[in-house]
Structure formats: structure tokens, C-alpha cells
Full PDB file with SEQRES, HELIX, SHEET, SSBOND, CRYST1, ORIGX, SCALE, CONECT and MASTER records, all heavy atoms in Angstrom:
SEQRES   1 A   38  TYR ASN SER GLY LEU SER GLU GLY GLN ARG ALA ALA ALA          
SEQRES   2 A   38  VAL ALA ASN LEU LYS LYS VAL GLY ALA ASP VAL ASN LEU          
SEQRES   3 A   38  ASP ALA GLY HIS MET PHE LEU LYS ASP LYS ALA ASN              
HELIX    1 AA1 GLU A    7  GLN A    9  5                                   3    
HELIX    2 AA2 ARG A   10  VAL A   20  1                                  11    
SHEET    1 AA1 2 ASN A   2  SER A   6  0                                        
SHEET    2 AA1 2 PHE A  32  LYS A  34  1                                        
CRYST1    1.000    1.000    1.000  90.00  90.00  90.00 P 1           1          
ORIGX1      1.000000  0.000000  0.000000        0.00000                         
ORIGX2      0.000000  1.000000  0.000000        0.00000                         
ORIGX3      0.000000  0.000000  1.000000        0.00000                         
SCALE1      1.000000  0.000000  0.000000        0.00000                         
SCALE2      0.000000  1.000000  0.000000        0.00000                         
SCALE3      0.000000  0.000000  1.000000        0.00000                         
ATOM      1  N   TYR A   1     100.171 123.547 102.263  1.00  0.00           N  
ATOM      2  CA  TYR A   1     100.961 122.398 101.832  1.00  0.00           C  
ATOM      3  C   TYR A   1     102.245 122.361 102.648  1.00  0.00           C  
ATOM      4  O   TYR A   1     102.876 123.400 102.868  1.00  0.00           O  
ATOM      5  CB  TYR A   1     101.292 122.486 100.339  1.00  0.00           C  
ATOM      6  CG  TYR A   1     100.069 122.717  99.477  1.00  0.00           C  
ATOM      7  CD1 TYR A   1      99.622 124.016  99.210  1.00  0.00           C  
ATOM      8  CD2 TYR A   1      99.356 121.656  98.944  1.00  0.00           C  
ATOM      9  CE1 TYR A   1      98.502 124.247  98.435  1.00  0.00           C  
ATOM     10  CE2 TYR A   1      98.222 121.873  98.165  1.00  0.00           C  
ATOM     11  CZ  TYR A   1      97.800 123.172  97.912  1.00  0.00           C  
ATOM     12  OH  TYR A   1      96.685 123.397  97.144  1.00  0.00           O  
ATOM     13  N   ASN A   2     102.637 121.174 103.070  1.00  0.00           N  
ATOM     14  CA  ASN A   2     103.801 121.006 103.953  1.00  0.00           C  
ATOM     15  C   ASN A   2     104.587 119.816 103.413  1.00  0.00           C  
ATOM     16  O   ASN A   2     104.261 118.670 103.697  1.00  0.00           O  
ATOM     17  CB  ASN A   2     103.312 120.757 105.385  1.00  0.00           C  
ATOM     18  CG  ASN A   2     104.417 120.763 106.410  1.00  0.00           C  
ATOM     19  OD1 ASN A   2     105.551 121.125 106.113  1.00  0.00           O  
ATOM     20  ND2 ASN A   2     104.087 120.356 107.629  1.00  0.00           N  
ATOM     21  N   SER A   3     105.613 120.090 102.608  1.00  0.00           N  
ATOM     22  CA  SER A   3     106.248 119.040 101.822  1.00  0.00           C  
ATOM     23  C   SER A   3     107.750 118.948 102.062  1.00  0.00           C  
ATOM     24  O   SER A   3     108.399 119.931 102.394  1.00  0.00           O  
ATOM     25  CB  SER A   3     106.006 119.305 100.327  1.00  0.00           C  
ATOM     26  OG  SER A   3     106.744 118.418  99.513  1.00  0.00           O  
ATOM     27  N   GLY A   4     108.278 117.736 101.844  1.00  0.00           N  
ATOM     28  CA  GLY A   4     109.718 117.518 101.899  1.00  0.00           C  
ATOM     29  C   GLY A   4     110.427 117.885 100.614  1.00  0.00           C  
ATOM     30  O   GLY A   4     111.647 117.765 100.523  1.00  0.00           O  
ATOM     31  N   LEU A   5     109.686 118.338  99.603  1.00  0.00           N  
ATOM     32  CA  LEU A   5     110.333 118.827  98.394  1.00  0.00           C  
ATOM     33  C   LEU A   5     111.176 120.050  98.736  1.00  0.00           C  
ATOM     34  O   LEU A   5     110.911 120.760  99.707  1.00  0.00           O  
ATOM     35  CB  LEU A   5     109.281 119.193  97.341  1.00  0.00           C  
ATOM     36  CG  LEU A   5     108.509 118.020  96.726  1.00  0.00           C  
ATOM     37  CD1 LEU A   5     107.363 118.542  95.870  1.00  0.00           C  
ATOM     38  CD2 LEU A   5     109.425 117.131  95.900  1.00  0.00           C  
ATOM     39  N   SER A   6     112.175 120.303  97.907  1.00  0.00           N  
ATOM     40  CA  SER A   6     113.088 121.418  98.185  1.00  0.00           C  
ATOM     41  C   SER A   6     112.574 122.716  97.571  1.00  0.00           C  
ATOM     42  O   SER A   6     111.722 122.712  96.671  1.00  0.00           O  
ATOM     43  CB  SER A   6     114.477 121.113  97.634  1.00  0.00           C  
ATOM     44  OG  SER A   6     114.467 121.158  96.217  1.00  0.00           O  
ATOM     45  N   GLU A   7     113.125 123.802  98.048  1.00  0.00           N  
ATOM     46  CA  GLU A   7     112.766 125.106  97.502  1.00  0.00           C  
ATOM     47  C   GLU A   7     113.056 125.161  95.998  1.00  0.00           C  
ATOM     48  O   GLU A   7     112.304 125.774  95.231  1.00  0.00           O  
ATOM     49  CB  GLU A   7     113.532 126.205  98.232  1.00  0.00           C  
ATOM     50  CG  GLU A   7     113.117 127.610  97.878  1.00  0.00           C  
ATOM     51  CD  GLU A   7     111.663 127.906  98.227  1.00  0.00           C  
ATOM     52  OE1 GLU A   7     111.169 127.408  99.251  1.00  0.00           O  
ATOM     53  OE2 GLU A   7     111.011 128.655  97.453  1.00  0.00           O  
ATOM     54  N   GLY A   8     114.117 124.498  95.558  1.00  0.00           N  
ATOM     55  CA  GLY A   8     114.454 124.474  94.145  1.00  0.00           C  
ATOM     56  C   GLY A   8     113.455 123.712  93.287  1.00  0.00           C  
ATOM     57  O   GLY A   8     113.480 123.829  92.057  1.00  0.00           O  
ATOM     58  N   GLN A   9     112.574 122.935  93.913  1.00  0.00           N  
ATOM     59  CA  GLN A   9     111.563 122.172  93.177  1.00  0.00           C  
ATOM     60  C   GLN A   9     110.188 122.829  93.219  1.00  0.00           C  
ATOM     61  O   GLN A   9     109.200 122.251  92.782  1.00  0.00           O  
ATOM     62  CB  GLN A   9     111.480 120.752  93.752  1.00  0.00           C  
ATOM     63  CG  GLN A   9     112.754 119.954  93.541  1.00  0.00           C  
ATOM     64  CD  GLN A   9     112.837 118.697  94.388  1.00  0.00           C  
ATOM     65  OE1 GLN A   9     112.348 118.668  95.521  1.00  0.00           O  
ATOM     66  NE2 GLN A   9     113.470 117.666  93.858  1.00  0.00           N  
ATOM     67  N   ARG A  10     110.146 124.065  93.717  1.00  0.00           N  
ATOM     68  CA  ARG A  10     108.863 124.752  93.901  1.00  0.00           C  
ATOM     69  C   ARG A  10     108.118 124.933  92.577  1.00  0.00           C  
ATOM     70  O   ARG A  10     106.915 124.643  92.489  1.00  0.00           O  
ATOM     71  CB  ARG A  10     109.084 126.110  94.569  1.00  0.00           C  
ATOM     72  CG  ARG A  10     107.783 126.900  94.777  1.00  0.00           C  
ATOM     73  CD  ARG A  10     108.041 128.226  95.485  1.00  0.00           C  
ATOM     74  NE  ARG A  10     108.477 128.016  96.853  1.00  0.00           N  
ATOM     75  CZ  ARG A  10     107.667 127.794  97.885  1.00  0.00           C  
ATOM     76  NH1 ARG A  10     106.349 127.753  97.691  1.00  0.00           N  
ATOM     77  NH2 ARG A  10     108.159 127.637  99.091  1.00  0.00           N  
ATOM     78  N   ALA A  11     108.794 125.440  91.560  1.00  0.00           N  
ATOM     79  CA  ALA A  11     108.113 125.724  90.292  1.00  0.00           C  
ATOM     80  C   ALA A  11     107.493 124.460  89.709  1.00  0.00           C  
ATOM     81  O   ALA A  11     106.365 124.484  89.199  1.00  0.00           O  
ATOM     82  CB  ALA A  11     109.096 126.345  89.290  1.00  0.00           C  
ATOM     83  N   ALA A  12     108.207 123.343  89.777  1.00  0.00           N  
ATOM     84  CA  ALA A  12     107.688 122.087  89.249  1.00  0.00           C  
ATOM     85  C   ALA A  12     106.505 121.603  90.066  1.00  0.00           C  
ATOM     86  O   ALA A  12     105.514 121.101  89.514  1.00  0.00           O  
ATOM     87  CB  ALA A  12     108.792 121.032  89.237  1.00  0.00           C  
ATOM     88  N   ALA A  13     106.590 121.745  91.392  1.00  0.00           N  
ATOM     89  CA  ALA A  13     105.484 121.320  92.250  1.00  0.00           C  
ATOM     90  C   ALA A  13     104.224 122.124  91.951  1.00  0.00           C  
ATOM     91  O   ALA A  13     103.123 121.566  91.845  1.00  0.00           O  
ATOM     92  CB  ALA A  13     105.874 121.465  93.717  1.00  0.00           C  
ATOM     93  N   VAL A  14     104.371 123.416  91.815  1.00  0.00           N  
ATOM     94  CA  VAL A  14     103.220 124.276  91.509  1.00  0.00           C  
ATOM     95  C   VAL A  14     102.621 123.898  90.162  1.00  0.00           C  
ATOM     96  O   VAL A  14     101.392 123.745  90.027  1.00  0.00           O  
ATOM     97  CB  VAL A  14     103.640 125.755  91.527  1.00  0.00           C  
ATOM     98  CG1 VAL A  14     102.527 126.633  90.956  1.00  0.00           C  
ATOM     99  CG2 VAL A  14     103.978 126.203  92.945  1.00  0.00           C  
ATOM    100  N   ALA A  15     103.481 123.723  89.150  1.00  0.00           N  
ATOM    101  CA  ALA A  15     102.984 123.378  87.816  1.00  0.00           C  
ATOM    102  C   ALA A  15     102.255 122.042  87.822  1.00  0.00           C  
ATOM    103  O   ALA A  15     101.202 121.892  87.192  1.00  0.00           O  
ATOM    104  CB  ALA A  15     104.155 123.345  86.830  1.00  0.00           C  
ATOM    105  N   ASN A  16     102.800 121.063  88.540  1.00  0.00           N  
ATOM    106  CA  ASN A  16     102.193 119.736  88.581  1.00  0.00           C  
ATOM    107  C   ASN A  16     100.853 119.769  89.320  1.00  0.00           C  
ATOM    108  O   ASN A  16      99.869 119.138  88.889  1.00  0.00           O  
ATOM    109  CB  ASN A  16     103.149 118.756  89.231  1.00  0.00           C  
ATOM    110  CG  ASN A  16     102.958 117.320  88.787  1.00  0.00           C  
ATOM    111  OD1 ASN A  16     103.874 116.500  88.844  1.00  0.00           O  
ATOM    112  ND2 ASN A  16     101.775 116.962  88.333  1.00  0.00           N  
ATOM    113  N   LEU A  17     100.788 120.496  90.435  1.00  0.00           N  
ATOM    114  CA  LEU A  17      99.532 120.579  91.180  1.00  0.00           C  
ATOM    115  C   LEU A  17      98.455 121.287  90.358  1.00  0.00           C  
ATOM    116  O   LEU A  17      97.283 120.888  90.382  1.00  0.00           O  
ATOM    117  CB  LEU A  17      99.759 121.295  92.508  1.00  0.00           C  
ATOM    118  CG  LEU A  17     100.545 120.489  93.549  1.00  0.00           C  
ATOM    119  CD1 LEU A  17     100.948 121.365  94.721  1.00  0.00           C  
ATOM    120  CD2 LEU A  17      99.737 119.286  94.037  1.00  0.00           C  
ATOM    121  N   LYS A  18      98.845 122.307  89.607  1.00  0.00           N  
ATOM    122  CA  LYS A  18      97.885 122.960  88.723  1.00  0.00           C  
ATOM    123  C   LYS A  18      97.381 121.981  87.665  1.00  0.00           C  
ATOM    124  O   LYS A  18      96.190 121.947  87.345  1.00  0.00           O  
ATOM    125  CB  LYS A  18      98.533 124.172  88.049  1.00  0.00           C  
ATOM    126  CG  LYS A  18      98.724 125.366  88.948  1.00  0.00           C  
ATOM    127  CD  LYS A  18      99.332 126.528  88.180  1.00  0.00           C  
ATOM    128  CE  LYS A  18      99.470 127.763  89.060  1.00  0.00           C  
ATOM    129  NZ  LYS A  18     100.066 128.907  88.317  1.00  0.00           N  
ATOM    130  N   LYS A  19      98.285 121.178  87.131  1.00  0.00           N  
ATOM    131  CA  LYS A  19      97.940 120.245  86.064  1.00  0.00           C  
ATOM    132  C   LYS A  19      96.902 119.215  86.508  1.00  0.00           C  
ATOM    133  O   LYS A  19      96.029 118.824  85.738  1.00  0.00           O  
ATOM    134  CB  LYS A  19      99.203 119.541  85.557  1.00  0.00           C  
ATOM    135  CG  LYS A  19      98.989 118.640  84.362  1.00  0.00           C  
ATOM    136  CD  LYS A  19     100.309 118.018  83.904  1.00  0.00           C  
ATOM    137  CE  LYS A  19     101.254 119.033  83.337  1.00  0.00           C  
ATOM    138  NZ  LYS A  19     102.458 118.402  82.745  1.00  0.00           N  
ATOM    139  N   VAL A  20      96.986 118.777  87.784  1.00  0.00           N  
ATOM    140  CA  VAL A  20      96.048 117.756  88.261  1.00  0.00           C  
ATOM    141  C   VAL A  20      94.792 118.362  88.885  1.00  0.00           C  
ATOM    142  O   VAL A  20      93.909 117.627  89.332  1.00  0.00           O  
ATOM    143  CB  VAL A  20      96.719 116.796  89.273  1.00  0.00           C  
ATOM    144  CG1 VAL A  20      97.916 116.108  88.642  1.00  0.00           C  
ATOM    145  CG2 VAL A  20      97.110 117.507  90.563  1.00  0.00           C  
ATOM    146  N   GLY A  21      94.713 119.689  88.942  1.00  0.00           N  
ATOM    147  CA  GLY A  21      93.495 120.324  89.431  1.00  0.00           C  
ATOM    148  C   GLY A  21      93.510 120.742  90.883  1.00  0.00           C  
ATOM    149  O   GLY A  21      92.478 121.115  91.431  1.00  0.00           O  
ATOM    150  N   ALA A  22      94.681 120.682  91.512  1.00  0.00           N  
ATOM    151  CA  ALA A  22      94.798 121.152  92.902  1.00  0.00           C  
ATOM    152  C   ALA A  22      95.325 122.585  92.898  1.00  0.00           C  
ATOM    153  O   ALA A  22      96.326 122.909  93.546  1.00  0.00           O  
ATOM    154  CB  ALA A  22      95.722 120.233  93.694  1.00  0.00           C  
ATOM    155  N   ASP A  23      94.652 123.432  92.177  1.00  0.00           N  
ATOM    156  CA  ASP A  23      95.112 124.812  91.977  1.00  0.00           C  
ATOM    157  C   ASP A  23      94.508 125.724  93.036  1.00  0.00           C  
ATOM    158  O   ASP A  23      93.679 126.585  92.755  1.00  0.00           O  
ATOM    159  CB  ASP A  23      94.735 125.276  90.570  1.00  0.00           C  
ATOM    160  CG  ASP A  23      95.399 126.587  90.197  1.00  0.00           C  
ATOM    161  OD1 ASP A  23      96.185 127.105  91.008  1.00  0.00           O  
ATOM    162  OD2 ASP A  23      95.123 127.108  89.094  1.00  0.00           O  
ATOM    163  N   VAL A  24      94.930 125.506  94.274  1.00  0.00           N  
ATOM    164  CA  VAL A  24      94.410 126.266  95.406  1.00  0.00           C  
ATOM    165  C   VAL A  24      95.584 126.712  96.281  1.00  0.00           C  
ATOM    166  O   VAL A  24      96.385 125.882  96.734  1.00  0.00           O  
ATOM    167  CB  VAL A  24      93.442 125.417  96.261  1.00  0.00           C  
ATOM    168  CG1 VAL A  24      92.975 126.205  97.486  1.00  0.00           C  
ATOM    169  CG2 VAL A  24      92.251 124.954  95.438  1.00  0.00           C  
ATOM    170  N   ASN A  25      95.738 128.018  96.475  1.00  0.00           N  
ATOM    171  CA  ASN A  25      96.740 128.564  97.398  1.00  0.00           C  
ATOM    172  C   ASN A  25      98.153 128.010  97.134  1.00  0.00           C  
ATOM    173  O   ASN A  25      98.822 127.518  98.042  1.00  0.00           O  
ATOM    174  CB  ASN A  25      96.360 128.249  98.851  1.00  0.00           C  
ATOM    175  CG  ASN A  25      95.100 128.966  99.283  1.00  0.00           C  
ATOM    176  OD1 ASN A  25      94.582 129.825  98.574  1.00  0.00           O  
ATOM    177  ND2 ASN A  25      94.581 128.609 100.447  1.00  0.00           N  
ATOM    178  N   LEU A  26      98.610 128.127  95.906  1.00  0.00           N  
ATOM    179  CA  LEU A  26      99.930 127.602  95.551  1.00  0.00           C  
ATOM    180  C   LEU A  26     101.033 128.649  95.671  1.00  0.00           C  
ATOM    181  O   LEU A  26     102.118 128.480  95.108  1.00  0.00           O  
ATOM    182  CB  LEU A  26      99.896 127.027  94.121  1.00  0.00           C  
ATOM    183  CG  LEU A  26      98.919 125.857  93.930  1.00  0.00           C  
ATOM    184  CD1 LEU A  26      98.950 125.371  92.488  1.00  0.00           C  
ATOM    185  CD2 LEU A  26      99.244 124.713  94.885  1.00  0.00           C  
ATOM    186  N   ASP A  27     100.780 129.706  96.431  1.00  0.00           N  
ATOM    187  CA  ASP A  27     101.775 130.751  96.660  1.00  0.00           C  
ATOM    188  C   ASP A  27     102.711 130.342  97.792  1.00  0.00           C  
ATOM    189  O   ASP A  27     102.460 129.382  98.533  1.00  0.00           O  
ATOM    190  CB  ASP A  27     101.069 132.059  97.015  1.00  0.00           C  
ATOM    191  CG  ASP A  27     100.155 131.891  98.224  1.00  0.00           C  
ATOM    192  OD1 ASP A  27      99.033 131.359  98.055  1.00  0.00           O  
ATOM    193  OD2 ASP A  27     100.581 132.238  99.342  1.00  0.00           O  
ATOM    194  N   ALA A  28     103.803 131.081  97.936  1.00  0.00           N  
ATOM    195  CA  ALA A  28     104.822 130.756  98.943  1.00  0.00           C  
ATOM    196  C   ALA A  28     104.307 130.889 100.369  1.00  0.00           C  
ATOM    197  O   ALA A  28     104.861 130.279 101.291  1.00  0.00           O  
ATOM    198  CB  ALA A  28     106.043 131.666  98.752  1.00  0.00           C  
ATOM    199  N   GLY A  29     103.257 131.660 100.576  1.00  0.00           N  
ATOM    200  CA  GLY A  29     102.692 131.803 101.906  1.00  0.00           C  
ATOM    201  C   GLY A  29     101.862 130.617 102.356  1.00  0.00           C  
ATOM    202  O   GLY A  29     101.513 130.514 103.535  1.00  0.00           O  
ATOM    203  N   HIS A  30     101.540 129.731 101.417  1.00  0.00           N  
ATOM    204  CA  HIS A  30     100.741 128.552 101.745  1.00  0.00           C  
ATOM    205  C   HIS A  30     101.457 127.240 101.460  1.00  0.00           C  
ATOM    206  O   HIS A  30     101.065 126.206 101.993  1.00  0.00           O  
ATOM    207  CB  HIS A  30      99.423 128.564 100.955  1.00  0.00           C  
ATOM    208  CG  HIS A  30      98.464 129.618 101.398  1.00  0.00           C  
ATOM    209  ND1 HIS A  30      98.523 130.914 100.948  1.00  0.00           N  
ATOM    210  CD2 HIS A  30      97.408 129.570 102.265  1.00  0.00           C  
ATOM    211  CE1 HIS A  30      97.551 131.622 101.505  1.00  0.00           C  
ATOM    212  NE2 HIS A  30      96.865 130.837 102.317  1.00  0.00           N  
ATOM    213  N   MET A  31     102.469 127.259 100.611  1.00  0.00           N  
ATOM    214  CA  MET A  31     103.210 126.045 100.290  1.00  0.00           C  
ATOM    215  C   MET A  31     104.583 126.104 100.951  1.00  0.00           C  
ATOM    216  O   MET A  31     105.449 126.876 100.554  1.00  0.00           O  
ATOM    217  CB  MET A  31     103.374 125.863  98.782  1.00  0.00           C  
ATOM    218  CG  MET A  31     104.106 124.573  98.414  1.00  0.00           C  
ATOM    219  SD  MET A  31     104.407 124.400  96.641  1.00  0.00           S  
ATOM    220  CE  MET A  31     102.741 124.103  96.070  1.00  0.00           C  
ATOM    221  N   PHE A  32     104.766 125.271 101.970  1.00  0.00           N  
ATOM    222  CA  PHE A  32     106.018 125.239 102.720  1.00  0.00           C  
ATOM    223  C   PHE A  32     106.895 124.091 102.217  1.00  0.00           C  
ATOM    224  O   PHE A  32     106.506 122.924 102.279  1.00  0.00           O  
ATOM    225  CB  PHE A  32     105.732 125.087 104.210  1.00  0.00           C  
ATOM    226  CG  PHE A  32     104.960 126.246 104.786  1.00  0.00           C  
ATOM    227  CD1 PHE A  32     103.582 126.182 104.936  1.00  0.00           C  
ATOM    228  CD2 PHE A  32     105.611 127.420 105.149  1.00  0.00           C  
ATOM    229  CE1 PHE A  32     102.865 127.244 105.446  1.00  0.00           C  
ATOM    230  CE2 PHE A  32     104.902 128.494 105.666  1.00  0.00           C  
ATOM    231  CZ  PHE A  32     103.528 128.414 105.819  1.00  0.00           C  
ATOM    232  N   LEU A  33     108.077 124.446 101.704  1.00  0.00           N  
ATOM    233  CA  LEU A  33     109.051 123.484 101.212  1.00  0.00           C  
ATOM    234  C   LEU A  33     110.352 123.652 101.988  1.00  0.00           C  
ATOM    235  O   LEU A  33     110.571 124.665 102.653  1.00  0.00           O  
ATOM    236  CB  LEU A  33     109.308 123.704  99.713  1.00  0.00           C  
ATOM    237  CG  LEU A  33     108.083 123.716  98.799  1.00  0.00           C  
ATOM    238  CD1 LEU A  33     108.519 123.929  97.347  1.00  0.00           C  
ATOM    239  CD2 LEU A  33     107.281 122.431  98.923  1.00  0.00           C  
ATOM    240  N   LYS A  34     111.220 122.670 101.901  1.00  0.00           N  
ATOM    241  CA  LYS A  34     112.494 122.735 102.619  1.00  0.00           C  
ATOM    242  C   LYS A  34     113.433 123.744 101.954  1.00  0.00           C  
ATOM    243  O   LYS A  34     113.730 123.632 100.767  1.00  0.00           O  
ATOM    244  CB  LYS A  34     113.165 121.368 102.659  1.00  0.00           C  
ATOM    245  CG  LYS A  34     112.560 120.415 103.668  1.00  0.00           C  
ATOM    246  CD  LYS A  34     113.367 119.138 103.752  1.00  0.00           C  
ATOM    247  CE  LYS A  34     112.792 118.191 104.816  1.00  0.00           C  
ATOM    248  NZ  LYS A  34     113.546 116.929 104.893  1.00  0.00           N  
ATOM    249  N   ASP A  35     113.873 124.703 102.732  1.00  0.00           N  
ATOM    250  CA  ASP A  35     114.839 125.700 102.262  1.00  0.00           C  
ATOM    251  C   ASP A  35     116.056 125.635 103.175  1.00  0.00           C  
ATOM    252  O   ASP A  35     116.174 126.381 104.138  1.00  0.00           O  
ATOM    253  CB  ASP A  35     114.216 127.095 102.273  1.00  0.00           C  
ATOM    254  CG  ASP A  35     115.106 128.143 101.617  1.00  0.00           C  
ATOM    255  OD1 ASP A  35     116.257 127.802 101.258  1.00  0.00           O  
ATOM    256  OD2 ASP A  35     114.649 129.287 101.465  1.00  0.00           O  
ATOM    257  N   LYS A  36     116.963 124.709 102.873  1.00  0.00           N  
ATOM    258  CA  LYS A  36     118.107 124.482 103.756  1.00  0.00           C  
ATOM    259  C   LYS A  36     119.094 125.641 103.732  1.00  0.00           C  
ATOM    260  O   LYS A  36     119.814 125.862 104.711  1.00  0.00           O  
ATOM    261  CB  LYS A  36     118.805 123.179 103.361  1.00  0.00           C  
ATOM    262  CG  LYS A  36     117.977 121.944 103.645  1.00  0.00           C  
ATOM    263  CD  LYS A  36     118.766 120.667 103.384  1.00  0.00           C  
ATOM    264  CE  LYS A  36     117.951 119.437 103.766  1.00  0.00           C  
ATOM    265  NZ  LYS A  36     118.705 118.175 103.573  1.00  0.00           N  
ATOM    266  N   ALA A  37     119.130 126.384 102.645  1.00  0.00           N  
ATOM    267  CA  ALA A  37     120.060 127.515 102.568  1.00  0.00           C  
ATOM    268  C   ALA A  37     119.569 128.698 103.383  1.00  0.00           C  
ATOM    269  O   ALA A  37     120.372 129.500 103.871  1.00  0.00           O  
ATOM    270  CB  ALA A  37     120.248 127.922 101.110  1.00  0.00           C  
ATOM    271  N   ASN A  38     118.266 128.804 103.545  1.00  0.00           N  
ATOM    272  CA  ASN A  38     117.690 129.939 104.270  1.00  0.00           C  
ATOM    273  C   ASN A  38     116.467 129.476 105.053  1.00  0.00           C  
ATOM    274  O   ASN A  38     115.328 129.859 104.764  1.00  0.00           O  
ATOM    275  CB  ASN A  38     117.307 131.056 103.287  1.00  0.00           C  
ATOM    276  CG  ASN A  38     116.869 132.320 103.989  1.00  0.00           C  
ATOM    277  OD1 ASN A  38     117.317 132.625 105.098  1.00  0.00           O  
ATOM    278  ND2 ASN A  38     115.974 133.059 103.354  1.00  0.00           N  
TER     279      ASN A  38                                                      
MASTER        0    0    0    2    2    0    0    6  278    1    0    3          
END                                                                             
């Protein structure tokens, strides 16, 4: 996953994707979000 969502929105993104059935590789090594602080 390659998203413009922020690192602070990770937990919500994971929860929402699980809810709709896209529960595949939702770990930090596969879901890339914007981390402007680091």
C-alpha cells in the first residue's frame, strides 16, 4: 500500500481496511504512509 495518509492515521487505516475485507499485509513493512517527522 502506498498512500498519502499520514503516519498518525495508520491505526485508523488498518482498522478500516480490515473492516472492508482488505486484510492483507497491513503491517508497516507493506503499508507506506507519509512520515514527515521521520
